[in-house]
Amino acid sequence: MNKTDLINNIAAKSGLSKRDVETVLNGFLGEVTAALQSGDKVQLIGFGTFETRQRNGRKGRNPQTGKTIEIPASKVPAFKAGNKLKEAVK
C-alpha cells in the first residue's frame, strides 16, 4: 500500500474528503519528522513508537573496489511496534 492508497482507504471509511485526509496525513508525517529531528520520540499507545537511534561508526568495504572505508556514526529513524499491532499481525 502506498500513500495514495492509504488516503483513499481512510477517506472511504471516514466519509472525509481525500483532500482533508491528505492534509491530516501530511500534518501527521510533518509532526513526526519534526519530533524526530529535535530528538523527541512519538509514542502511539498500542500502535508503536517512532524514535531515533544512534549508529556507531564502523569499517566497511566497497564491493566494487574491495577497498576498506570508514563509515561515520549517524542518527537513524526507527519504529518499534506496540503490543496491539503485534497481536493484530500474528
Protein backbone atom coordinates (compact mmCIF):
# COMPACT_ATOMS: atom_id res chain seq x y z
CA MET A 1 0.00 0.00 0.00
CA ASN A 2 1.32 3.43 -0.87
CA LYS A 3 0.36 6.89 0.38
CA THR A 4 -2.39 7.36 -2.25
CA ASP A 5 -3.97 4.01 -1.37
CA LEU A 6 -3.86 4.91 2.32
CA ILE A 7 -5.55 8.26 1.68
CA ASN A 8 -8.24 6.62 -0.47
CA ASN A 9 -8.96 3.92 2.13
CA ILE A 10 -9.17 6.37 5.03
CA ALA A 11 -11.42 8.71 3.02
CA ALA A 12 -13.76 5.84 2.13
CA LYS A 13 -14.01 4.61 5.73
CA SER A 14 -14.28 8.02 7.41
CA GLY A 15 -16.51 9.90 4.98
CA LEU A 16 -13.97 12.74 4.81
CA SER A 17 -12.77 14.12 1.50
CA LYS A 18 -9.49 12.86 0.09
CA ARG A 19 -8.10 16.38 0.31
CA ASP A 20 -8.90 16.59 4.04
CA VAL A 21 -7.38 13.17 4.71
CA GLU A 22 -4.26 14.10 2.75
CA THR A 23 -3.92 17.32 4.77
CA VAL A 24 -4.19 15.43 8.05
CA LEU A 25 -1.78 12.69 6.93
CA ASN A 26 0.80 15.25 5.72
CA GLY A 27 0.43 17.10 9.02
CA PHE A 28 0.98 13.88 10.98
CA LEU A 29 4.07 12.99 8.95
CA GLY A 30 5.43 16.51 9.35
CA GLU A 31 4.96 16.45 13.13
CA VAL A 32 6.61 13.03 13.47
CA THR A 33 9.53 14.22 11.34
CA ALA A 34 9.91 17.42 13.37
CA ALA A 35 9.81 15.50 16.66
CA LEU A 36 12.49 13.07 15.46
CA GLN A 37 14.67 15.93 14.20
CA SER A 38 14.56 17.53 17.64
CA GLY A 39 15.44 14.25 19.35
CA ASP A 40 11.98 13.51 20.76
CA LYS A 41 10.09 10.27 20.28
CA VAL A 42 6.47 9.86 19.24
CA GLN A 43 4.60 7.18 21.16
CA LEU A 44 1.19 5.97 20.00
CA ILE A 45 -0.02 3.57 22.70
CA GLY A 46 -0.93 0.20 21.19
CA PHE A 47 0.43 1.10 17.75
CA GLY A 48 4.10 1.81 18.28
CA THR A 49 6.89 4.27 18.88
CA PHE A 50 8.85 6.37 16.39
CA GLU A 51 12.31 7.29 17.67
CA THR A 52 15.88 7.92 16.59
CA ARG A 53 18.76 5.59 17.30
CA GLN A 54 22.48 6.21 17.20
CA ARG A 55 24.55 4.03 14.87
CA ASN A 56 28.20 3.68 15.75
CA GLY A 57 30.88 4.29 13.16
CA ARG A 58 32.35 1.18 11.61
CA LYS A 59 34.59 -0.09 8.87
CA GLY A 60 33.02 -1.23 5.61
CA ARG A 61 34.13 -2.47 2.25
CA ASN A 62 33.39 -1.02 -1.16
CA PRO A 63 32.14 -4.05 -3.11
CA GLN A 64 33.31 -2.65 -6.46
CA THR A 65 36.90 -1.90 -5.47
CA GLY A 66 37.35 -4.04 -2.38
CA LYS A 67 38.85 -1.09 -0.51
CA THR A 68 38.12 -0.66 3.18
CA ILE A 69 36.27 2.55 4.03
CA GLU A 70 35.30 4.23 7.28
CA ILE A 71 31.51 4.58 7.71
CA PRO A 72 30.78 7.50 10.08
CA ALA A 73 28.41 7.35 13.04
CA SER A 74 24.88 8.52 12.28
CA LYS A 75 21.42 9.01 13.71
CA VAL A 76 18.68 6.93 12.06
CA PRO A 77 14.89 6.83 12.45
CA ALA A 78 13.40 3.66 13.94
CA PHE A 79 9.94 2.25 14.63
CA LYS A 80 9.11 -0.19 17.39
CA ALA A 81 5.70 -1.86 17.05
CA GLY A 82 3.33 -1.81 20.03
CA ASN A 83 1.67 -4.89 21.53
CA LYS A 84 -1.74 -4.36 19.90
CA LEU A 85 -0.14 -4.02 16.46
CA LYS A 86 1.99 -7.12 17.04
CA GLU A 87 -1.10 -9.11 18.08
CA ALA A 88 -3.11 -7.88 15.08
CA VAL A 89 -0.40 -9.03 12.68
CA LYS A 90 0.00 -12.53 14.14
